[in-house]
Amino acid sequence: MSFTVRQVTIEDAEGVANVLNPIIVEGLHTVLDTTFTTDEEKQFIATFPMGGVFTVALSEEHSQIVGFQNIEPFAQYTKAFDHVGIIGTFVSKPAQGQGISKLLFQSTFEVAKQKGFEKLFAYVRSDNERALAAYTRQGFEIVGTAKKHAKVRGKYVDEVLIEKFL
């Protein structure tokens, strides 16, 4: 199967929600605990920081969004962190294992460099081994663990802090 990777448009809101919501409902791979409507996703995309990066992967066969990745500027209250972005990656369960995250990373890294990012940072659930493996394959390094950093469905979850210099 072939995939196309490009920057998000407002028309992608439903597809983004369709990827994200089942992951949230499953409750195993993200600390997000509330699903999003298409209108909420439209609002998120419309107000996404101009300096950020928001990449989507589409199945060429069905023109359907199968994954997305975004980078938001870190701590915009000071210019000291202008070179740092927080990255998140989501791939729909049926599309996992097909190289989509690798395609997303390639495109996102390129755009991130063009926008002046020098370092990417993320928090990944410690029990999300698939995500940790995907990030480390792309050169991210583990810098620490935040114990009981999130509380999902009444259960504490540790988050692994990772970073990559572009």
C-alpha atoms as a PDB file:
ATOM      1  CA  MET A   1       0.000   0.000   0.000  1.00  0.00           C
ATOM      2  CA  SER A   2       1.223   3.517  -0.807  1.00  0.00           C
ATOM      3  CA  PHE A   3       0.933   6.590   1.356  1.00  0.00           C
ATOM      4  CA  THR A   4       1.117  10.331   0.813  1.00  0.00           C
ATOM      5  CA  VAL A   5       2.408  12.678   3.481  1.00  0.00           C
ATOM      6  CA  ARG A   6       1.544  16.378   3.542  1.00  0.00           C
ATOM      7  CA  GLN A   7       0.748  19.259   5.862  1.00  0.00           C
ATOM      8  CA  VAL A   8      -2.707  19.284   7.464  1.00  0.00           C
ATOM      9  CA  THR A   9      -5.665  21.279   6.156  1.00  0.00           C
ATOM     10  CA  ILE A  10      -8.894  22.165   7.943  1.00  0.00           C
ATOM     11  CA  GLU A  11     -10.656  19.579   5.761  1.00  0.00           C
ATOM     12  CA  ASP A  12      -8.571  16.876   7.476  1.00  0.00           C
ATOM     13  CA  ALA A  13     -10.311  17.376  10.837  1.00  0.00           C
ATOM     14  CA  GLU A  14     -12.637  14.390  10.564  1.00  0.00           C
ATOM     15  CA  GLY A  15      -9.814  12.103   9.438  1.00  0.00           C
ATOM     16  CA  VAL A  16      -7.572  13.256  12.283  1.00  0.00           C
ATOM     17  CA  ALA A  17     -10.381  12.635  14.786  1.00  0.00           C
ATOM     18  CA  ASN A  18     -10.987   9.194  13.247  1.00  0.00           C
ATOM     19  CA  VAL A  19      -7.350   8.264  13.891  1.00  0.00           C
ATOM     20  CA  LEU A  20      -7.117   9.806  17.348  1.00  0.00           C
ATOM     21  CA  ASN A  21     -10.429   8.862  18.967  1.00  0.00           C
ATOM     22  CA  PRO A  22     -10.067   5.038  18.845  1.00  0.00           C
ATOM     23  CA  ILE A  23      -6.610   5.407  20.414  1.00  0.00           C
ATOM     24  CA  ILE A  24      -8.091   7.551  23.193  1.00  0.00           C
ATOM     25  CA  VAL A  25     -11.007   5.146  23.738  1.00  0.00           C
ATOM     26  CA  GLU A  26      -8.609   2.193  24.005  1.00  0.00           C
ATOM     27  CA  GLY A  27      -6.838   4.025  26.830  1.00  0.00           C
ATOM     28  CA  LEU A  28      -3.504   2.245  26.436  1.00  0.00           C
ATOM     29  CA  HIS A  29      -1.209   4.405  24.316  1.00  0.00           C
ATOM     30  CA  THR A  30      -1.925   8.023  25.163  1.00  0.00           C
ATOM     31  CA  VAL A  31      -2.662  10.071  28.243  1.00  0.00           C
ATOM     32  CA  LEU A  32      -5.436  11.847  26.362  1.00  0.00           C
ATOM     33  CA  ASP A  33      -8.683  10.798  28.004  1.00  0.00           C
ATOM     34  CA  THR A  34     -11.409  12.671  26.124  1.00  0.00           C
ATOM     35  CA  THR A  35     -12.388  12.115  22.494  1.00  0.00           C
ATOM     36  CA  PHE A  36     -12.739  14.995  20.051  1.00  0.00           C
ATOM     37  CA  THR A  37     -15.536  15.951  17.679  1.00  0.00           C
ATOM     38  CA  THR A  38     -14.826  16.964  14.108  1.00  0.00           C
ATOM     39  CA  ASP A  39     -15.671  20.554  15.025  1.00  0.00           C
ATOM     40  CA  GLU A  40     -13.203  20.473  17.925  1.00  0.00           C
ATOM     41  CA  GLU A  41     -10.511  19.140  15.579  1.00  0.00           C
ATOM     42  CA  LYS A  42     -11.324  21.877  13.061  1.00  0.00           C
ATOM     43  CA  GLN A  43     -10.849  24.437  15.828  1.00  0.00           C
ATOM     44  CA  PHE A  44      -7.570  22.816  16.891  1.00  0.00           C
ATOM     45  CA  ILE A  45      -6.245  22.860  13.324  1.00  0.00           C
ATOM     46  CA  ALA A  46      -7.477  26.421  12.721  1.00  0.00           C
ATOM     47  CA  THR A  47      -5.713  27.710  15.833  1.00  0.00           C
ATOM     48  CA  PHE A  48      -2.614  25.511  15.568  1.00  0.00           C
ATOM     49  CA  PRO A  49       0.487  27.664  16.119  1.00  0.00           C
ATOM     50  CA  MET A  50       1.861  29.151  12.893  1.00  0.00           C
ATOM     51  CA  GLY A  51       5.340  28.124  14.002  1.00  0.00           C
ATOM     52  CA  GLY A  52       4.269  24.523  14.533  1.00  0.00           C
ATOM     53  CA  VAL A  53       4.265  21.547  12.204  1.00  0.00           C
ATOM     54  CA  PHE A  54       1.215  19.334  11.570  1.00  0.00           C
ATOM     55  CA  THR A  55       1.738  16.463   9.135  1.00  0.00           C
ATOM     56  CA  VAL A  56      -0.815  13.877   7.986  1.00  0.00           C
ATOM     57  CA  ALA A  57      -0.343  10.533   6.226  1.00  0.00           C
ATOM     58  CA  LEU A  58      -2.996   9.386   3.779  1.00  0.00           C
ATOM     59  CA  SER A  59      -3.608   6.020   2.194  1.00  0.00           C
ATOM     60  CA  GLU A  60      -3.343   6.654  -1.552  1.00  0.00           C
ATOM     61  CA  GLU A  61      -5.781   3.821  -2.202  1.00  0.00           C
ATOM     62  CA  HIS A  62      -8.606   5.283  -0.105  1.00  0.00           C
ATOM     63  CA  SER A  63      -7.468   8.932   0.343  1.00  0.00           C
ATOM     64  CA  GLN A  64      -8.034   8.335   4.056  1.00  0.00           C
ATOM     65  CA  ILE A  65      -5.905   9.719   6.889  1.00  0.00           C
ATOM     66  CA  VAL A  66      -4.102   6.837   8.595  1.00  0.00           C
ATOM     67  CA  GLY A  67      -1.760   8.805  10.836  1.00  0.00           C
ATOM     68  CA  PHE A  68      -0.587  12.232  11.870  1.00  0.00           C
ATOM     69  CA  GLN A  69       2.215  13.937  13.702  1.00  0.00           C
ATOM     70  CA  ASN A  70       2.490  17.404  15.114  1.00  0.00           C
ATOM     71  CA  ILE A  71       5.039  19.649  16.724  1.00  0.00           C
ATOM     72  CA  GLU A  72       3.975  22.508  18.920  1.00  0.00           C
ATOM     73  CA  PRO A  73       6.396  25.179  20.105  1.00  0.00           C
ATOM     74  CA  PHE A  74       7.533  24.570  23.676  1.00  0.00           C
ATOM     75  CA  ALA A  75       6.908  27.171  26.400  1.00  0.00           C
ATOM     76  CA  GLN A  76       5.993  30.172  24.311  1.00  0.00           C
ATOM     77  CA  TYR A  77       6.163  32.477  27.333  1.00  0.00           C
ATOM     78  CA  THR A  78       9.876  33.012  26.640  1.00  0.00           C
ATOM     79  CA  LYS A  79      12.097  33.098  23.573  1.00  0.00           C
ATOM     80  CA  ALA A  80      14.629  30.885  25.369  1.00  0.00           C
ATOM     81  CA  PHE A  81      12.805  27.794  24.065  1.00  0.00           C
ATOM     82  CA  ASP A  82      12.067  28.961  20.508  1.00  0.00           C
ATOM     83  CA  HIS A  83      14.267  26.157  19.130  1.00  0.00           C
ATOM     84  CA  VAL A  84      12.366  23.402  21.021  1.00  0.00           C
ATOM     85  CA  GLY A  85       9.187  21.654  19.935  1.00  0.00           C
ATOM     86  CA  ILE A  86       6.962  19.032  21.537  1.00  0.00           C
ATOM     87  CA  ILE A  87       6.159  16.215  19.134  1.00  0.00           C
ATOM     88  CA  GLY A  88       3.280  13.744  19.113  1.00  0.00           C
ATOM     89  CA  THR A  89       2.668  10.835  16.743  1.00  0.00           C
ATOM     90  CA  PHE A  90      -0.520   8.846  16.123  1.00  0.00           C
ATOM     91  CA  VAL A  91      -1.093   6.015  13.631  1.00  0.00           C
ATOM     92  CA  SER A  92      -4.393   4.160  13.338  1.00  0.00           C
ATOM     93  CA  LYS A  93      -4.243   0.591  14.585  1.00  0.00           C
ATOM     94  CA  PRO A  94      -5.062  -1.033  11.204  1.00  0.00           C
ATOM     95  CA  ALA A  95      -2.265   0.972   9.554  1.00  0.00           C
ATOM     96  CA  GLN A  96       0.462   0.220  12.100  1.00  0.00           C
ATOM     97  CA  GLY A  97       3.528  -1.701  10.972  1.00  0.00           C
ATOM     98  CA  GLN A  98       3.449  -0.287   7.428  1.00  0.00           C
ATOM     99  CA  GLY A  99       6.161   2.357   7.781  1.00  0.00           C
ATOM    100  CA  ILE A 100       3.771   5.276   8.246  1.00  0.00           C
ATOM    101  CA  SER A 101       5.528   6.716  11.298  1.00  0.00           C
ATOM    102  CA  LYS A 102       8.829   6.649   9.399  1.00  0.00           C
ATOM    103  CA  LEU A 103       7.253   8.656   6.542  1.00  0.00           C
ATOM    104  CA  LEU A 104       5.735  11.096   9.023  1.00  0.00           C
ATOM    105  CA  PHE A 105       9.053  11.576  10.813  1.00  0.00           C
ATOM    106  CA  GLN A 106      10.909  12.248   7.537  1.00  0.00           C
ATOM    107  CA  SER A 107       8.474  14.934   6.447  1.00  0.00           C
ATOM    108  CA  THR A 108       7.992  16.441   9.899  1.00  0.00           C
ATOM    109  CA  PHE A 109      11.742  16.683  10.561  1.00  0.00           C
ATOM    110  CA  GLU A 110      12.276  18.477   7.239  1.00  0.00           C
ATOM    111  CA  VAL A 111       9.539  21.034   7.891  1.00  0.00           C
ATOM    112  CA  ALA A 112      10.636  21.427  11.528  1.00  0.00           C
ATOM    113  CA  LYS A 113      14.173  22.330  10.463  1.00  0.00           C
ATOM    114  CA  GLN A 114      12.797  24.860   7.960  1.00  0.00           C
ATOM    115  CA  LYS A 115      10.792  26.454  10.785  1.00  0.00           C
ATOM    116  CA  GLY A 116      13.847  26.784  13.024  1.00  0.00           C
ATOM    117  CA  PHE A 117      13.384  23.843  15.377  1.00  0.00           C
ATOM    118  CA  GLU A 118      16.664  22.386  16.614  1.00  0.00           C
ATOM    119  CA  LYS A 119      15.374  20.002  19.268  1.00  0.00           C
ATOM    120  CA  LEU A 120      12.249  17.888  19.627  1.00  0.00           C
ATOM    121  CA  PHE A 121      10.944  16.651  22.937  1.00  0.00           C
ATOM    122  CA  ALA A 122       8.161  14.235  23.889  1.00  0.00           C
ATOM    123  CA  TYR A 123       6.560  12.437  26.772  1.00  0.00           C
ATOM    124  CA  VAL A 124       5.702   8.813  25.937  1.00  0.00           C
ATOM    125  CA  ARG A 125       3.807   6.461  28.211  1.00  0.00           C
ATOM    126  CA  SER A 126       6.336   4.041  29.681  1.00  0.00           C
ATOM    127  CA  ASP A 127       4.070   1.123  28.786  1.00  0.00           C
ATOM    128  CA  ASN A 128       3.852   2.178  25.119  1.00  0.00           C
ATOM    129  CA  GLU A 129       6.756   0.074  23.888  1.00  0.00           C
ATOM    130  CA  ARG A 130       5.765   0.399  20.219  1.00  0.00           C
ATOM    131  CA  ALA A 131       5.932   4.206  20.364  1.00  0.00           C
ATOM    132  CA  LEU A 132       9.208   4.209  22.292  1.00  0.00           C
ATOM    133  CA  ALA A 133      10.718   1.866  19.686  1.00  0.00           C
ATOM    134  CA  ALA A 134       9.480   4.062  16.817  1.00  0.00           C
ATOM    135  CA  TYR A 135      10.970   7.188  18.378  1.00  0.00           C
ATOM    136  CA  THR A 136      14.316   5.578  19.249  1.00  0.00           C
ATOM    137  CA  ARG A 137      14.593   4.225  15.682  1.00  0.00           C
ATOM    138  CA  GLN A 138      14.392   7.862  14.585  1.00  0.00           C
ATOM    139  CA  GLY A 139      17.250   8.918  16.846  1.00  0.00           C
ATOM    140  CA  PHE A 140      15.372  10.033  19.957  1.00  0.00           C
ATOM    141  CA  GLU A 141      17.156   9.370  23.229  1.00  0.00           C
ATOM    142  CA  ILE A 142      15.604   8.674  26.604  1.00  0.00           C
ATOM    143  CA  VAL A 143      16.515  11.397  29.085  1.00  0.00           C
ATOM    144  CA  GLY A 144      14.440  10.334  32.073  1.00  0.00           C
ATOM    145  CA  THR A 145      11.181   9.058  33.478  1.00  0.00           C
ATOM    146  CA  ALA A 146       8.503  11.122  35.134  1.00  0.00           C
ATOM    147  CA  LYS A 147       6.975   8.829  37.750  1.00  0.00           C
ATOM    148  CA  LYS A 148       3.195   8.881  38.168  1.00  0.00           C
ATOM    149  CA  HIS A 149       3.157  11.743  35.686  1.00  0.00           C
ATOM    150  CA  ALA A 150      -0.350  11.063  34.425  1.00  0.00           C
ATOM    151  CA  LYS A 151      -3.435   9.513  35.920  1.00  0.00           C
ATOM    152  CA  VAL A 152      -5.491   7.720  33.301  1.00  0.00           C
ATOM    153  CA  ARG A 153      -8.761   6.076  34.290  1.00  0.00           C
ATOM    154  CA  GLY A 154      -7.737   6.179  37.928  1.00  0.00           C
ATOM    155  CA  LYS A 155      -4.356   4.530  37.336  1.00  0.00           C
ATOM    156  CA  TYR A 156      -1.001   6.307  37.526  1.00  0.00           C
ATOM    157  CA  VAL A 157       1.161   6.153  34.435  1.00  0.00           C
ATOM    158  CA  ASP A 158       4.868   6.906  34.194  1.00  0.00           C
ATOM    159  CA  GLU A 159       6.005   8.892  31.186  1.00  0.00           C
ATOM    160  CA  VAL A 160       9.381   8.562  29.503  1.00  0.00           C
ATOM    161  CA  LEU A 161      10.984  11.853  28.458  1.00  0.00           C
ATOM    162  CA  ILE A 162      12.718  11.658  25.096  1.00  0.00           C
ATOM    163  CA  GLU A 163      14.554  14.160  22.912  1.00  0.00           C
ATOM    164  CA  LYS A 164      16.211  14.458  19.545  1.00  0.00           C
ATOM    165  CA  PHE A 165      18.448  17.170  18.148  1.00  0.00           C
ATOM    166  CA  LEU A 166      17.728  17.896  14.508  1.00  0.00           C
END
